[in-house]
């Protein structure tokens, strides 16, 4: 393995193929489009990039049995780096004849197992005891203890090295080699976690160097998306009547409409009393119109009447006729229902044949891109100290909010605080959200994602330091919540350390 300010490199030899894992030092993300050249003993070979983000080459082209010093030249765009490492290639196995059981020489050269040697010693001891007549009670007890101990030595499993990253495949990386010989993730004896690069790629481990920041604590408030009253309108009828569709259909929920667009019609319906009053008024108007027309004709017959009086009579007739025409239109005509604003139909209560009254809300129109969020604060909040606020919803990016108003009275034992989406919003009206609003005095410390802090089996909260390319060390920490996504570390980690900020929960499960 090798590391630099720009890259981490780990090579794994398996089935005579050298696989190179190249990641960025700053965040542990894979480097996919680099050029990797491997040099050894004056020979240089370009590793082939594969579809899974690794680089491979036959081991025989740059290495031979034994310990090989390799040099890696990496070019990634404008970045060039040079890394070095040592590759251990296992040698050929010894001849079988040296330990052939059918050969007399093989029996002599074969090492005697410790258990069989102990058994021979026991036999000699017991035989001596029998010959010497050592059959006292104390001697018998001693012989029994010796037999038990020797049996444990003879039939117990011999001590073997556990799985490790250095074995027949030549992938030795230091401290983890003493803990076994396998490429599987595992917890080492010092409590750290050995996590091979293939597994890191699989679970997408990411890490970064942390530094001190200044933030403000955020309070969490349950909230609900409501319509913006400045961009909300309702459509109602001004008369009693029967509703009819426009062009054979009504506007539906979710349909975009423009201001002035016709959504339907209301055909006025009059009661018996109203109809009687209407007919009586219409009859009176007809009589007045007839009398006015008769006067006007008389005025026109005689030239003695001044022109001003004739003009006044003409105006009276015209007004009476307009009033009569308006009454007739009211009886026969339909009232159009038009959209007051541009927006989207939020609710539609119109049904063909429905009889409506002026108080009925037939359509509600909202502008969905600028909703309000009503949050409930169950603690005292100084609105003058409110800072940045965000609305958090599962599986959606946070929405930046702007403070609008605060209710002077309590609702459900909480203070209602209204915010407006700072940018065109993707939140639906009525959706439940969590509002995070900064408040209080600024705090300084190391800020990391909340997911980077996990609870160890002993109950402590820890983060994982990325101390080597394939090794993570748990570090107990103390922290305070900043908001729903971040925490501020107050103890345990110093600025400049490298911390796993993604997939820490999966690392914590490795035993």
Foldseek 3Di string as FASTA:
>chain_A
DWDDQFWDWAWWFDPQKIKIFIAGPAKRHGQADKWKWKAFPRDIDIFPGDPLRITMDGNVRHDDAAKTKMKIWIGRPPDTDITIDIWHAHDDDDDPVCQDPVDPNNVVNDDDDPLVVLVVVLVVVVVVCVVVVVPDPVVVVVNVVSVVVSVCVNPPDDDDAAAFCDDNRTRDDPPRVRRHHDQDWFQGPVRWIFFDPVRCSVQVWIKHFWDKDKAFFWDKWKKFWAFDPVFKDFWFDAAWFWKAADPRDAADFFDWDAFFDFGTWGQHDDDPVVVVVLVVVLVVLVVVLVVLVVVLVVLVVDPVRDPVVNVVSVVVNVVSVVVNVVSVCSNGDIHTTGHRHTAGWHDADDDHGDTHGRVDGGTMGGHQQKIKMKTWALDDDDPVFWDWKWWDDPPDDIFTWAWDDWDPDDDPNTIITMIIGPGRDPDDHGDMTMMIIGGDDMDMAIKAWPVQWDAAPVGFIWWWFCPHSRMTHTWGWDWAHRTPTMIGTDDTDHGRTMTTRGCNVVSRPHD
